[in-house]
Amino acid sequence: MRRSIVRGVGGYLPSNCVTNADIAKSLDTTDEWIVERTGMKQRHVLADGQNTSDMAAEAAKIALANAGIDAASIDLIVVATVTPDNPFPATAARVQAKIGATNAFAFDVNAVCSGFIYALSVADQYLKTGMAKRALVIGADAMSKILDWNDRSTAVLFGDGAGALVLEGVDESHADYNRGIHSAHLFSDGGCYDLLYVDTTPACAKQPGHVRMQGREIFKFAIKLIGEAVETVLKSNNMTVNDIDWFVPHQANLRIIEGISVHFKIPMEKMVVTVDKHSNTSAATIPLALWEAARDGRIQKGQKVVLEAMGGGLTWASALVKW
């Protein structure tokens, strides 16, 4: 038996920070209105000329440095994104070239805000079977490129960023075998497709679409479906909330995170929250939160971490990682 352990973590946020007050200059909104409804205070936005692959590559470089390994030793790159540089080829291929991972095969995964856990699960399968030994799993999205900045219901919610994990497959003889990904659980319901989508197709790339969302319905589904995902991962590992050191939720809305906290009686002190600083960076929210919590010393080696997310599709997912 093989298991995928975490060797390194990295993240990247564009230098351009847009506050709620900045948005209020062009939209009929206020800082108080946004904070009350979302918990968001600011978000980072790409500079002109920057793309998703630029952020993903920077996050990957930091993760590799954190792991202390060279890009040439990576066998697999999976990028979770809904904002690829181009409809094709995969953004992962550009990342491969930018970081010099000459021995890796690379592809993208699209599961919107659940994308990082989907990508993590995909990479885990390759590592478990031995088809790859080391993998880079990246969540990266440039949501600012697909926002209607005149739509108050969506413009205030999203930001840009990227986060990355370096994974390594080890067998039972390895000293760290008990660490790593213990399980991942993926779900989807295409019947809810119209609740959250972008109103264009790759064939219309010269006329980029915008995010369209039925916010109240999404909020309602989020509490229910994320709750089911958390229950599934706990039950599958014969654990309770008390056994978990940290919960790292998708950073869509502070009210959703607080709702999950109340539903499962999880102390907010166990929740890694970055939504106030990053807003919703789609597939990047979870790895960015992991990067921040690992950097400041909250997440320690050997601790049990639950990841959970819900996104367009609808998709939802959960995973248990022993750090």
Protein backbone atom coordinates (compact mmCIF):
# COMPACT_ATOMS: atom_id res chain seq x y z
CA MET A 1 0.00 0.00 0.00
CA ARG A 2 1.16 3.52 -0.79
CA ARG A 3 0.08 6.87 0.61
CA SER A 4 0.49 10.46 -0.60
CA ILE A 5 2.21 12.65 1.97
CA VAL A 6 2.55 16.44 1.93
CA ARG A 7 6.13 17.51 1.35
CA GLY A 8 5.66 21.24 0.80
CA VAL A 9 3.11 24.05 0.56
CA GLY A 10 3.16 27.39 -1.24
CA GLY A 11 0.94 30.28 -2.22
CA TYR A 12 0.82 33.45 -4.26
CA LEU A 13 -1.34 36.57 -4.13
CA PRO A 14 -1.08 39.45 -6.64
CA SER A 15 0.36 42.64 -5.17
CA ASN A 16 -2.71 44.68 -6.14
CA CYS A 17 -4.99 44.66 -3.08
CA VAL A 18 -8.54 45.97 -3.63
CA THR A 19 -10.43 46.94 -0.49
CA ASN A 20 -14.19 47.19 -0.01
CA ALA A 21 -13.78 50.97 0.03
CA ASP A 22 -12.14 50.78 -3.39
CA ILE A 23 -15.11 48.82 -4.78
CA ALA A 24 -17.57 51.27 -3.19
CA LYS A 25 -16.13 54.05 -5.35
CA SER A 26 -17.78 52.54 -8.44
CA LEU A 27 -20.58 50.37 -7.02
CA ASP A 28 -23.61 51.15 -4.88
CA THR A 29 -22.21 49.42 -1.80
CA THR A 30 -20.28 50.07 1.40
CA ASP A 31 -17.59 48.34 3.42
CA GLU A 32 -20.16 47.68 6.14
CA TRP A 33 -22.63 46.08 3.71
CA ILE A 34 -19.99 43.72 2.28
CA VAL A 35 -18.52 42.73 5.65
CA GLU A 36 -21.94 42.08 7.19
CA ARG A 37 -23.04 39.76 4.36
CA THR A 38 -19.76 38.05 3.47
CA GLY A 39 -17.04 38.74 6.03
CA MET A 40 -14.82 39.98 3.18
CA LYS A 41 -12.68 43.07 3.62
CA GLN A 42 -10.34 42.91 0.65
CA ARG A 43 -9.21 40.80 -2.29
CA HIS A 44 -6.14 40.62 -4.57
CA VAL A 45 -6.45 41.31 -8.29
CA LEU A 46 -4.06 40.44 -11.12
CA ALA A 47 -2.14 43.18 -12.85
CA ASP A 48 -2.63 43.74 -16.58
CA GLY A 49 -0.70 41.09 -18.47
CA GLN A 50 -0.74 38.54 -15.65
CA ASN A 51 -2.51 35.21 -16.10
CA THR A 52 -3.52 32.19 -14.07
CA SER A 53 -0.35 30.31 -15.04
CA ASP A 54 1.81 33.14 -13.64
CA MET A 55 0.19 32.80 -10.22
CA ALA A 56 0.25 29.01 -10.34
CA ALA A 57 3.94 28.94 -11.24
CA GLU A 58 4.86 31.29 -8.39
CA ALA A 59 2.89 29.21 -5.87
CA ALA A 60 4.54 26.06 -7.23
CA LYS A 61 8.04 27.53 -6.85
CA ILE A 62 7.35 28.43 -3.22
CA ALA A 63 5.94 24.94 -2.53
CA LEU A 64 8.99 23.30 -4.11
CA ALA A 65 11.33 25.47 -2.04
CA ASN A 66 9.34 24.61 1.08
CA ALA A 67 9.70 20.91 0.23
CA GLY A 68 13.39 21.31 -0.52
CA ILE A 69 13.17 19.54 -3.87
CA ASP A 70 13.89 20.42 -7.49
CA ALA A 71 11.16 20.85 -10.11
CA ALA A 72 12.84 18.20 -12.27
CA SER A 73 11.88 15.56 -9.69
CA ILE A 74 8.14 16.22 -10.19
CA ASP A 75 6.35 13.54 -12.23
CA LEU A 76 2.85 15.05 -12.32
CA ILE A 77 1.28 18.52 -12.29
CA VAL A 78 -2.47 18.95 -11.81
CA VAL A 79 -3.90 22.46 -11.93
CA ALA A 80 -7.44 23.08 -10.70
CA THR A 81 -8.81 26.18 -12.42
CA VAL A 82 -11.86 27.69 -14.12
CA THR A 83 -9.83 30.55 -15.59
CA PRO A 84 -7.24 28.89 -17.85
CA ASP A 85 -4.87 31.10 -19.80
CA ASN A 86 -6.45 29.72 -22.99
CA PRO A 87 -9.23 27.22 -23.73
CA PHE A 88 -6.34 24.89 -24.60
CA PRO A 89 -3.68 23.73 -24.05
CA ALA A 90 -3.88 23.12 -20.31
CA THR A 91 -2.63 25.82 -17.97
CA ALA A 92 -0.68 23.04 -16.25
CA ALA A 93 1.47 22.73 -19.38
CA ARG A 94 2.45 26.38 -19.10
CA VAL A 95 3.24 25.92 -15.43
CA GLN A 96 5.42 22.94 -16.28
CA ALA A 97 7.46 25.07 -18.68
CA LYS A 98 7.67 28.08 -16.34
CA ILE A 99 9.05 26.09 -13.40
CA GLY A 100 11.25 23.71 -15.39
CA ALA A 101 9.45 20.50 -14.44
CA THR A 102 10.77 18.79 -17.56
CA ASN A 103 9.92 15.25 -16.43
CA ALA A 104 6.28 15.85 -15.48
CA PHE A 105 3.06 15.16 -17.33
CA ALA A 106 0.52 17.91 -16.80
CA PHE A 107 -3.22 18.56 -17.11
CA ASP A 108 -6.04 20.70 -15.70
CA VAL A 109 -9.12 19.84 -13.63
CA ASN A 110 -12.30 21.94 -13.56
CA ALA A 111 -14.61 21.48 -10.59
CA VAL A 112 -14.89 25.19 -9.76
CA CYS A 113 -14.50 25.88 -6.03
CA SER A 114 -14.21 22.15 -5.25
CA GLY A 115 -11.45 21.89 -7.83
CA PHE A 116 -8.51 21.69 -5.47
CA ILE A 117 -9.90 18.69 -3.57
CA TYR A 118 -10.79 17.04 -6.90
CA ALA A 119 -7.23 17.65 -8.14
CA LEU A 120 -5.80 16.38 -4.84
CA SER A 121 -7.81 13.18 -5.19
CA VAL A 122 -6.71 12.67 -8.80
CA ALA A 123 -3.03 13.12 -7.93
CA ASP A 124 -3.44 10.81 -4.95
CA GLN A 125 -4.58 7.99 -7.26
CA TYR A 126 -1.50 8.35 -9.47
CA LEU A 127 0.79 8.32 -6.43
CA LYS A 128 -0.94 5.35 -4.81
CA THR A 129 -0.58 3.25 -7.94
CA GLY A 130 3.05 4.25 -8.42
CA MET A 131 2.43 5.81 -11.83
CA ALA A 132 3.97 8.96 -10.35
CA LYS A 133 6.24 9.44 -7.35
CA ARG A 134 5.97 13.18 -6.81
CA ALA A 135 3.17 15.54 -7.77
CA LEU A 136 2.37 19.23 -7.72
CA VAL A 137 -1.28 19.96 -7.02
CA ILE A 138 -2.22 23.58 -7.67
CA GLY A 139 -5.42 25.56 -7.24
CA ALA A 140 -5.30 28.82 -9.19
CA ASP A 141 -7.96 31.21 -10.42
CA ALA A 142 -8.08 34.72 -11.86
CA MET A 143 -11.70 35.39 -10.99
CA SER A 144 -11.34 39.11 -11.71
CA LYS A 145 -11.18 38.26 -15.42
CA ILE A 146 -14.70 36.79 -15.44
CA LEU A 147 -16.51 39.22 -13.14
CA ASP A 148 -19.08 41.79 -14.14
CA TRP A 149 -17.71 44.66 -12.07
CA ASN A 150 -21.09 46.39 -12.31
CA ASP A 151 -22.88 43.46 -10.62
CA ARG A 152 -22.83 44.05 -6.89
CA SER A 153 -24.01 40.51 -6.15
CA THR A 154 -20.81 38.97 -7.55
CA ALA A 155 -18.17 41.71 -7.93
CA VAL A 156 -17.58 41.96 -4.18
CA LEU A 157 -17.18 38.21 -3.66
CA PHE A 158 -14.14 37.10 -5.62
CA GLY A 159 -10.39 37.59 -5.82
CA ASP A 160 -7.33 36.13 -7.55
CA GLY A 161 -4.65 33.83 -6.18
CA ALA A 162 -2.95 30.43 -6.27
CA GLY A 163 -1.89 27.78 -3.78
CA ALA A 164 0.09 24.57 -4.22
CA LEU A 165 1.02 21.35 -2.46
CA VAL A 166 3.93 19.04 -3.24
CA LEU A 167 2.93 15.42 -2.68
CA GLU A 168 5.10 12.32 -2.56
CA GLY A 169 4.00 8.70 -2.69
CA VAL A 170 5.54 6.50 0.01
CA ASP A 171 5.08 2.85 0.98
CA GLU A 172 4.45 1.28 4.39
CA SER A 173 8.15 1.11 5.22
CA HIS A 174 8.50 4.90 5.11
CA ALA A 175 8.77 6.71 8.46
CA ASP A 176 6.03 9.17 7.44
CA TYR A 177 3.58 6.58 6.06
CA ASN A 178 0.90 7.44 8.63
CA ARG A 179 0.84 11.03 7.41
CA GLY A 180 -0.70 12.25 4.16
CA ILE A 181 -4.05 11.88 2.44
CA HIS A 182 -6.17 9.36 4.32
CA SER A 183 -9.31 9.77 2.22
CA ALA A 184 -11.04 12.05 -0.28
CA HIS A 185 -14.73 12.14 -1.17
CA LEU A 186 -16.14 13.75 -4.33
CA PHE A 187 -19.76 14.55 -5.23
CA SER A 188 -21.71 16.39 -7.95
CA ASP A 189 -25.24 17.27 -9.02
CA GLY A 190 -25.56 18.58 -12.58
CA GLY A 191 -29.23 19.30 -11.97
CA CYS A 192 -28.10 22.46 -10.15
CA TYR A 193 -25.92 23.62 -13.06
CA ASP A 194 -27.75 26.96 -13.47
CA LEU A 195 -27.21 28.10 -9.87
CA LEU A 196 -23.63 29.16 -10.55
CA TYR A 197 -22.07 29.42 -13.99
CA VAL A 198 -20.26 31.66 -16.51
CA ASP A 199 -22.40 32.82 -19.42
CA THR A 200 -20.03 32.05 -22.31
CA THR A 201 -18.23 29.14 -23.96
CA PRO A 202 -14.61 28.58 -25.06
CA ALA A 203 -15.77 29.20 -28.65
CA CYS A 204 -16.59 32.76 -27.60
CA ALA A 205 -13.22 33.44 -25.99
CA LYS A 206 -13.01 36.94 -27.54
CA GLN A 207 -16.15 37.85 -25.63
CA PRO A 208 -15.43 36.60 -22.09
CA GLY A 209 -18.49 35.85 -20.03
CA HIS A 210 -19.29 36.74 -16.45
CA VAL A 211 -20.10 34.82 -13.29
CA ARG A 212 -23.85 34.42 -12.76
CA MET A 213 -25.06 33.18 -9.40
CA GLN A 214 -28.30 32.57 -7.52
CA GLY A 215 -26.81 33.55 -4.18
CA ARG A 216 -29.61 32.53 -1.83
CA GLU A 217 -29.92 29.08 -3.37
CA ILE A 218 -26.16 28.58 -3.29
CA PHE A 219 -26.09 29.57 0.39
CA LYS A 220 -28.85 27.10 1.19
CA PHE A 221 -27.15 24.23 -0.62
CA ALA A 222 -23.73 25.08 0.83
CA ILE A 223 -24.65 24.39 4.45
CA LYS A 224 -26.39 21.13 3.55
CA LEU A 225 -23.89 19.70 1.06
CA ILE A 226 -20.72 20.74 2.86
CA GLY A 227 -22.25 19.27 5.98
CA GLU A 228 -22.79 15.96 4.21
CA ALA A 229 -19.21 16.00 2.92
CA VAL A 230 -17.82 16.60 6.42
CA GLU A 231 -19.98 13.81 7.84
CA THR A 232 -18.74 11.46 5.12
CA VAL A 233 -15.05 12.10 5.73
CA LEU A 234 -15.42 11.75 9.51
CA LYS A 235 -17.42 8.54 9.25
CA SER A 236 -15.03 7.04 6.69
CA ASN A 237 -12.12 7.54 9.08
CA ASN A 238 -13.99 6.56 12.27
CA MET A 239 -13.48 10.02 13.71
CA THR A 240 -15.50 12.75 15.36
CA VAL A 241 -15.12 16.51 15.25
CA ASN A 242 -13.08 16.28 18.45
CA ASP A 243 -10.44 14.14 16.71
CA ILE A 244 -9.71 16.84 14.11
CA ASP A 245 -7.13 19.54 14.78
CA TRP A 246 -8.07 21.90 11.94
CA PHE A 247 -10.91 22.41 9.50
CA VAL A 248 -9.96 24.21 6.28
CA PRO A 249 -13.17 25.17 4.47
CA HIS A 250 -13.58 26.74 1.07
CA GLN A 251 -13.57 30.48 1.68
CA ALA A 252 -16.81 31.47 -0.05
CA ASN A 253 -18.54 33.41 2.69
CA LEU A 254 -17.88 33.82 6.41
CA ARG A 255 -21.57 33.19 7.15
CA ILE A 256 -21.33 29.75 5.50
CA ILE A 257 -18.22 28.91 7.53
CA GLU A 258 -19.97 30.03 10.70
CA GLY A 259 -23.01 27.95 9.73
CA ILE A 260 -20.85 24.83 9.41
CA SER A 261 -19.25 25.66 12.76
CA VAL A 262 -22.65 25.82 14.45
CA HIS A 263 -24.02 22.72 12.68
CA PHE A 264 -21.11 20.50 13.73
CA LYS A 265 -20.29 22.27 17.00
CA ILE A 266 -16.82 23.03 15.65
CA PRO A 267 -15.17 25.88 17.59
CA MET A 268 -14.35 28.74 15.22
CA GLU A 269 -10.85 28.58 16.72
CA LYS A 270 -10.43 25.29 14.80
CA MET A 271 -11.47 26.89 11.51
CA VAL A 272 -8.77 28.32 9.25
CA VAL A 273 -10.37 31.52 7.92
CA THR A 274 -8.84 33.70 5.19
CA VAL A 275 -12.00 34.97 3.50
CA ASP A 276 -11.58 38.39 5.10
CA LYS A 277 -8.18 38.89 3.42
CA HIS A 278 -8.46 36.87 0.19
CA SER A 279 -12.22 36.77 -0.57
CA ASN A 280 -13.29 33.82 -2.74
CA THR A 281 -10.41 32.71 -4.99
CA SER A 282 -12.33 29.63 -6.19
CA ALA A 283 -9.99 26.61 -6.49
CA ALA A 284 -7.20 28.53 -4.74
CA THR A 285 -8.95 29.18 -1.42
CA ILE A 286 -8.08 25.91 0.31
CA PRO A 287 -4.38 25.69 -0.64
CA LEU A 288 -3.95 29.40 0.15
CA ALA A 289 -5.49 28.81 3.58
CA LEU A 290 -3.20 25.79 4.11
CA TRP A 291 -0.20 27.89 3.12
CA GLU A 292 -1.10 30.66 5.53
CA ALA A 293 -1.82 28.33 8.46
CA ALA A 294 1.37 26.33 7.87
CA ARG A 295 3.47 29.50 7.57
CA ASP A 296 2.23 30.99 10.84
CA GLY A 297 2.66 27.71 12.71
CA ARG A 298 -0.97 26.82 13.34
CA ILE A 299 -0.87 23.58 11.34
CA GLN A 300 1.86 21.32 12.71
CA LYS A 301 3.31 18.05 11.47
CA GLY A 302 1.15 15.09 12.44
CA GLN A 303 -2.04 17.10 12.94
CA LYS A 304 -5.30 15.96 11.33
CA VAL A 305 -6.80 18.44 8.88
CA VAL A 306 -10.22 18.23 7.18
CA LEU A 307 -10.68 20.04 3.86
CA GLU A 308 -14.16 20.77 2.50
CA ALA A 309 -15.64 22.74 -0.39
CA MET A 310 -18.65 23.31 -2.62
CA GLY A 311 -18.71 24.94 -6.05
CA GLY A 312 -20.53 25.28 -9.32
CA GLY A 313 -21.77 22.14 -11.00
CA LEU A 314 -22.81 21.70 -8.29
CA THR A 315 -19.73 19.94 -6.97
CA TRP A 316 -18.73 19.34 -3.38
CA ALA A 317 -15.91 17.44 -1.72
CA SER A 318 -14.01 16.66 1.45
CA ALA A 319 -10.70 15.13 2.42
CA LEU A 320 -8.72 14.14 5.50
CA VAL A 321 -5.02 14.94 5.49
CA LYS A 322 -2.61 14.11 8.29
CA TRP A 323 -0.06 16.91 7.94
